[in-house]
Amino acid sequence: MDTTGMPLFCDVDLAARIERAEVELITQGSTAAHRRQGEGPGFLAPVMGGVASFAEDDSPLNKVAGLGFGGVPDDGLLDEVECAFAERGAPVQVELAHLADPQIGARLTERGYRLTSFENVLGFPLPGEHPRFQPDGIEIRPSGDAEFEEWLDTIATGFAHPDTQGVASHEEFPREVIAAAIRDLVSAAGMRRYSAVSEGVVVGGAGLRMTDGIAQLTGAATVPSHRRRGVQTALLAARLAEAAAAGCDLAVVTTRPGSTSQQNVQRQGFHLLYTRAVLVKQAEHGGE
């Protein structure tokens, strides 16, 4: 991979395009969670180009995503969103890109939101072709329906044992909730699955979703016993090759700052595009 070129520049329009893809992903996953639960507590609400999502208790899909590129929400709209989360006993978590309208961050701060953490969005410009990589003893292949449960178990196991490099995450999710969220995203978002197989056993997995020319690289994880053997590099190369062949012009991935995942993708030529600030307002008893 060529890592010697100029850094990929991300303007407001590109950030808005990436955030729209994120809104689609969250919306589809949350909708699948609601369908699975039937009369559950879930909700979805548009918020000035973004979305407020509550999938189920403790879900990683419970957030406000994509805010900042479709206008500044007024206090009435924010009241509605905050009340909806408070009625479910959940905090409001807003993931706000630093390229979003700065008035939004100021308004949220005035309303009692606190900066909790950051996450980085990195991108890779896709050429017409992309080389694949296969480490010794590891087979990278599309993951079919017959091995879905094994693939899902591998991903959930990987996420349950995160690498400790970089800034610690402010969130922890039960293993079963992670598995449910991934299942919902796969079922609703048209995600393609890839497995890394060693001696007939799935030891790593990853997902790929393509929309509007953007390849979203999601759900990448390796079981602890097979880490640092090139599994994630190989899964990354396979997905980039497929996305390039499908005509995507940009691949994106989200990582914790300073994490092993960020280090791995930057070694493969990804550029830091922008950072999302994670702003949280705790639920108040009885709503607002």
Protein backbone atom coordinates (compact mmCIF):
# COMPACT_ATOMS: atom_id res chain seq x y z
CA MET A 1 0.00 0.00 0.00
CA ASP A 2 1.23 3.47 -0.82
CA THR A 3 1.55 5.51 2.36
CA THR A 4 3.86 8.15 0.94
CA GLY A 5 1.28 10.46 -0.63
CA MET A 6 -0.21 13.61 0.74
CA PRO A 7 -2.63 13.15 3.66
CA LEU A 8 -6.26 12.76 2.64
CA PHE A 9 -8.02 16.08 3.21
CA CYS A 10 -11.45 16.03 4.83
CA ASP A 11 -13.65 19.08 4.37
CA VAL A 12 -17.11 19.68 5.82
CA ASP A 13 -18.85 18.12 2.82
CA LEU A 14 -16.88 14.88 3.12
CA ALA A 15 -17.48 14.70 6.87
CA ALA A 16 -21.20 15.22 6.27
CA ARG A 17 -21.20 12.37 3.73
CA ILE A 18 -19.49 10.03 6.18
CA GLU A 19 -21.86 11.03 8.98
CA ARG A 20 -24.88 10.33 6.74
CA ALA A 21 -23.56 6.81 6.21
CA GLU A 22 -23.21 6.45 9.98
CA VAL A 23 -26.79 7.63 10.49
CA GLU A 24 -28.00 5.00 8.01
CA LEU A 25 -26.06 2.27 9.80
CA ILE A 26 -27.33 3.20 13.27
CA THR A 27 -30.90 3.57 12.01
CA GLN A 28 -30.92 0.17 10.32
CA GLY A 29 -29.38 -1.60 13.30
CA SER A 30 -31.75 0.03 15.77
CA THR A 31 -34.76 -0.76 13.58
CA ALA A 32 -33.72 -4.43 13.54
CA ALA A 33 -33.43 -4.40 17.34
CA HIS A 34 -36.95 -2.98 17.64
CA ARG A 35 -38.29 -5.64 15.29
CA ARG A 36 -36.57 -8.39 17.29
CA GLN A 37 -38.03 -7.16 20.59
CA GLY A 38 -41.57 -6.47 19.40
CA GLU A 39 -43.09 -4.21 22.07
CA GLY A 40 -39.74 -3.14 23.48
CA PRO A 41 -38.66 0.31 24.67
CA GLY A 42 -36.84 1.29 21.49
CA PHE A 43 -37.24 4.54 19.56
CA LEU A 44 -35.77 6.41 16.61
CA ALA A 45 -36.15 10.11 15.97
CA PRO A 46 -34.63 12.41 13.32
CA VAL A 47 -32.55 15.25 14.76
CA MET A 48 -31.54 17.92 12.23
CA GLY A 49 -29.92 15.49 9.79
CA GLY A 50 -28.82 13.10 12.53
CA VAL A 51 -30.71 10.46 14.47
CA ALA A 52 -31.52 9.75 18.11
CA SER A 53 -31.52 5.99 18.61
CA PHE A 54 -32.45 3.77 21.54
CA ALA A 55 -32.20 0.12 20.48
CA GLU A 56 -32.52 -1.67 23.82
CA ASP A 57 -31.13 -1.39 27.35
CA ASP A 58 -27.32 -0.99 27.46
CA SER A 59 -26.94 -1.18 23.66
CA PRO A 60 -24.00 0.46 21.86
CA LEU A 61 -26.61 1.75 19.39
CA ASN A 62 -28.10 4.06 22.05
CA LYS A 63 -26.83 7.45 20.93
CA VAL A 64 -27.39 10.60 18.91
CA ALA A 65 -25.36 10.25 15.72
CA GLY A 66 -24.74 12.44 12.69
CA LEU A 67 -25.70 15.70 14.36
CA GLY A 68 -24.10 18.90 13.14
CA PHE A 69 -24.57 19.07 9.37
CA GLY A 70 -28.28 19.84 9.03
CA GLY A 71 -28.77 22.82 11.30
CA VAL A 72 -28.69 23.52 15.02
CA PRO A 73 -31.44 21.80 17.06
CA ASP A 74 -33.51 24.16 19.16
CA ASP A 75 -34.19 23.66 22.85
CA GLY A 76 -37.63 22.20 22.18
CA LEU A 77 -36.22 19.40 20.03
CA LEU A 78 -33.44 18.69 22.51
CA ASP A 79 -36.03 18.58 25.30
CA GLU A 80 -37.90 15.86 23.40
CA VAL A 81 -34.77 13.81 22.82
CA GLU A 82 -33.60 14.10 26.41
CA CYS A 83 -37.03 13.17 27.77
CA ALA A 84 -37.19 10.10 25.53
CA PHE A 85 -33.87 8.82 26.89
CA ALA A 86 -34.73 9.79 30.48
CA GLU A 87 -38.00 7.83 30.30
CA ARG A 88 -35.87 4.76 29.61
CA GLY A 89 -33.42 5.51 32.39
CA ALA A 90 -30.60 6.12 29.92
CA PRO A 91 -28.15 8.99 29.46
CA VAL A 92 -28.07 10.93 26.20
CA GLN A 93 -24.82 10.31 24.34
CA VAL A 94 -24.07 12.64 21.45
CA GLU A 95 -21.22 11.82 19.07
CA LEU A 96 -20.32 15.17 17.53
CA ALA A 97 -17.79 15.56 14.72
CA HIS A 98 -15.34 18.41 15.20
CA LEU A 99 -16.27 19.62 11.70
CA ALA A 100 -19.91 20.03 12.74
CA ASP A 101 -21.50 23.40 13.40
CA PRO A 102 -19.69 24.72 16.52
CA GLN A 103 -22.92 26.23 17.85
CA ILE A 104 -24.13 22.73 18.65
CA GLY A 105 -21.28 21.96 21.03
CA ALA A 106 -21.85 25.26 22.79
CA ARG A 107 -25.59 24.58 23.12
CA LEU A 108 -25.06 21.09 24.48
CA THR A 109 -22.55 22.36 27.02
CA GLU A 110 -25.03 24.99 28.18
CA ARG A 111 -27.60 22.20 28.67
CA GLY A 112 -25.33 20.21 30.98
CA TYR A 113 -23.62 17.80 28.61
CA ARG A 114 -20.11 16.81 29.61
CA LEU A 115 -17.23 15.80 27.40
CA THR A 116 -16.57 12.13 28.14
CA SER A 117 -14.23 10.88 25.42
CA PHE A 118 -13.24 11.05 21.76
CA GLU A 119 -13.22 8.68 18.80
CA ASN A 120 -11.29 9.03 15.57
CA VAL A 121 -12.60 8.60 12.03
CA LEU A 122 -9.92 7.54 9.57
CA GLY A 123 -10.15 7.21 5.80
CA PHE A 124 -8.39 5.52 2.90
CA PRO A 125 -8.84 6.67 -0.73
CA LEU A 126 -9.63 3.62 -2.83
CA PRO A 127 -8.02 2.99 -6.23
CA GLY A 128 -9.50 0.72 -8.89
CA GLU A 129 -7.68 -2.32 -7.50
CA HIS A 130 -6.28 -3.21 -4.12
CA PRO A 131 -3.84 -5.99 -3.20
CA ARG A 132 -4.81 -8.75 -0.78
CA PHE A 133 -2.65 -10.16 2.00
CA GLN A 134 -2.78 -13.61 3.58
CA PRO A 135 -0.54 -14.44 6.57
CA ASP A 136 0.92 -17.92 6.98
CA GLY A 137 -1.57 -20.39 8.42
CA ILE A 138 -4.54 -18.03 8.07
CA GLU A 139 -7.26 -18.18 5.42
CA ILE A 140 -9.33 -15.06 4.76
CA ARG A 141 -12.70 -15.80 3.20
CA PRO A 142 -16.26 -14.46 2.92
CA SER A 143 -18.28 -15.78 5.83
CA GLY A 144 -21.41 -17.67 4.80
CA ASP A 145 -24.65 -18.20 6.68
CA ALA A 146 -23.63 -21.71 7.78
CA GLU A 147 -20.88 -20.31 10.03
CA PHE A 148 -22.71 -17.17 11.13
CA GLU A 149 -22.99 -18.20 14.78
CA GLU A 150 -19.27 -19.07 14.92
CA TRP A 151 -18.41 -15.76 13.25
CA LEU A 152 -20.63 -13.87 15.69
CA ASP A 153 -19.16 -15.68 18.69
CA THR A 154 -15.64 -14.82 17.50
CA ILE A 155 -16.49 -11.13 17.11
CA ALA A 156 -18.18 -10.99 20.51
CA THR A 157 -15.22 -12.73 22.14
CA GLY A 158 -12.81 -10.29 20.55
CA PHE A 159 -14.78 -7.27 21.73
CA ALA A 160 -15.07 -8.74 25.22
CA HIS A 161 -11.25 -8.76 25.47
CA PRO A 162 -10.20 -5.35 24.10
CA ASP A 163 -6.61 -4.31 23.64
CA THR A 164 -5.44 -1.96 26.37
CA GLN A 165 -3.29 0.30 24.19
CA GLY A 166 -4.43 3.89 23.83
CA VAL A 167 -7.11 5.90 25.60
CA ALA A 168 -9.41 3.69 27.65
CA SER A 169 -13.00 3.42 26.47
CA HIS A 170 -15.64 5.17 28.58
CA GLU A 171 -18.08 2.34 27.78
CA GLU A 172 -18.36 -1.34 28.63
CA PHE A 173 -21.10 -3.55 27.22
CA PRO A 174 -22.25 -7.02 28.29
CA ARG A 175 -21.13 -9.70 25.85
CA GLU A 176 -24.69 -10.69 25.01
CA VAL A 177 -25.60 -7.08 24.22
CA ILE A 178 -22.61 -6.75 21.86
CA ALA A 179 -23.66 -9.96 20.11
CA ALA A 180 -27.25 -8.76 19.77
CA ALA A 181 -26.18 -5.41 18.30
CA ILE A 182 -23.88 -7.07 15.76
CA ARG A 183 -26.62 -9.52 14.80
CA ASP A 184 -29.03 -6.63 14.25
CA LEU A 185 -26.54 -4.69 12.14
CA VAL A 186 -25.79 -7.71 9.98
CA SER A 187 -29.46 -8.55 9.45
CA ALA A 188 -30.57 -5.04 8.55
CA ALA A 189 -27.63 -3.14 7.08
CA GLY A 190 -26.57 -5.41 4.22
CA MET A 191 -23.23 -6.04 5.86
CA ARG A 192 -20.80 -8.44 4.22
CA ARG A 193 -18.94 -10.72 6.59
CA TYR A 194 -15.37 -12.02 6.46
CA SER A 195 -13.70 -14.73 8.53
CA ALA A 196 -10.07 -15.44 9.34
CA VAL A 197 -9.70 -19.20 9.72
CA SER A 198 -6.84 -21.16 11.29
CA GLU A 199 -6.89 -24.97 11.20
CA GLY A 200 -10.61 -24.94 10.47
CA VAL A 201 -11.48 -22.59 13.35
CA VAL A 202 -12.68 -19.00 12.95
CA VAL A 203 -10.19 -16.85 14.88
CA GLY A 204 -11.09 -13.41 13.55
CA GLY A 205 -13.88 -11.65 11.75
CA ALA A 206 -14.92 -8.35 10.27
CA GLY A 207 -17.75 -6.63 8.43
CA LEU A 208 -18.08 -4.37 5.40
CA ARG A 209 -21.00 -2.12 4.48
CA MET A 210 -21.03 -0.03 1.30
CA THR A 211 -23.22 3.00 0.69
CA ASP A 212 -22.89 6.15 -1.40
CA GLY A 213 -19.36 5.17 -2.46
CA ILE A 214 -18.25 4.78 1.15
CA ALA A 215 -16.98 1.47 2.50
CA GLN A 216 -17.65 1.28 6.23
CA LEU A 217 -15.25 -1.16 7.90
CA THR A 218 -17.03 -2.49 10.97
CA GLY A 219 -16.97 -5.20 13.59
CA ALA A 220 -13.32 -6.21 13.26
CA ALA A 221 -12.08 -8.46 16.07
CA THR A 222 -9.60 -11.26 16.70
CA VAL A 223 -9.65 -13.78 19.53
CA PRO A 224 -6.84 -13.04 22.02
CA SER A 225 -4.88 -16.24 21.19
CA HIS A 226 -4.36 -15.17 17.57
CA ARG A 227 -3.57 -11.49 17.95
CA ARG A 228 -0.44 -9.91 16.48
CA ARG A 229 -0.24 -12.48 13.70
CA GLY A 230 -1.47 -10.27 10.87
CA VAL A 231 -5.13 -11.33 11.09
CA GLN A 232 -6.57 -7.82 11.14
CA THR A 233 -4.19 -6.63 8.41
CA ALA A 234 -5.40 -9.47 6.20
CA LEU A 235 -9.08 -8.81 6.97
CA LEU A 236 -8.52 -5.13 6.23
CA ALA A 237 -6.86 -5.86 2.87
CA ALA A 238 -9.64 -8.24 1.82
CA ARG A 239 -12.33 -5.67 2.54
CA LEU A 240 -10.46 -2.85 0.82
CA ALA A 241 -10.01 -5.01 -2.28
CA GLU A 242 -13.72 -5.82 -2.41
CA ALA A 243 -14.77 -2.22 -1.80
CA ALA A 244 -12.41 -0.98 -4.52
CA ALA A 245 -13.73 -3.59 -6.95
CA ALA A 246 -17.29 -2.48 -6.15
CA GLY A 247 -16.46 1.12 -7.09
CA CYS A 248 -16.20 2.73 -3.67
CA ASP A 249 -13.92 5.77 -3.55
CA LEU A 250 -13.38 5.90 0.22
CA ALA A 251 -13.02 3.43 3.08
CA VAL A 252 -13.63 4.63 6.64
CA VAL A 253 -13.06 3.14 10.06
CA THR A 254 -13.66 4.43 13.59
CA THR A 255 -11.15 3.78 16.37
CA ARG A 256 -10.31 4.78 19.91
CA PRO A 257 -7.52 7.39 19.98
CA GLY A 258 -4.08 5.85 20.25
CA SER A 259 -5.42 2.30 20.07
CA THR A 260 -3.87 -0.73 18.41
CA SER A 261 -6.66 -0.55 15.83
CA GLN A 262 -5.72 3.01 14.92
CA GLN A 263 -2.04 2.08 14.72
CA ASN A 264 -2.83 -0.88 12.45
CA VAL A 265 -4.92 1.06 9.94
CA GLN A 266 -2.50 4.00 9.83
CA ARG A 267 0.30 1.58 9.03
CA GLN A 268 -1.79 0.50 6.03
CA GLY A 269 -2.18 4.04 4.73
CA PHE A 270 -5.29 5.37 6.47
CA HIS A 271 -5.39 9.06 7.32
CA LEU A 272 -7.02 10.74 10.31
CA LEU A 273 -9.99 12.63 8.87
CA TYR A 274 -11.72 14.03 11.93
CA THR A 275 -12.51 13.37 15.56
CA ARG A 276 -15.88 12.93 17.22
CA ALA A 277 -16.36 14.33 20.70
CA VAL A 278 -18.56 12.14 22.88
CA LEU A 279 -20.81 14.38 25.00
CA VAL A 280 -23.04 12.81 27.65
CA LYS A 281 -25.94 14.07 29.73
CA GLN A 282 -27.00 11.77 32.50
CA ALA A 283 -30.66 10.81 32.85
CA GLU A 284 -32.66 12.69 35.45
CA HIS A 285 -35.30 10.86 37.47
CA GLY A 286 -38.71 11.61 36.10
CA GLY A 287 -37.35 13.09 32.83
CA GLU A 288 -37.20 16.81 32.17
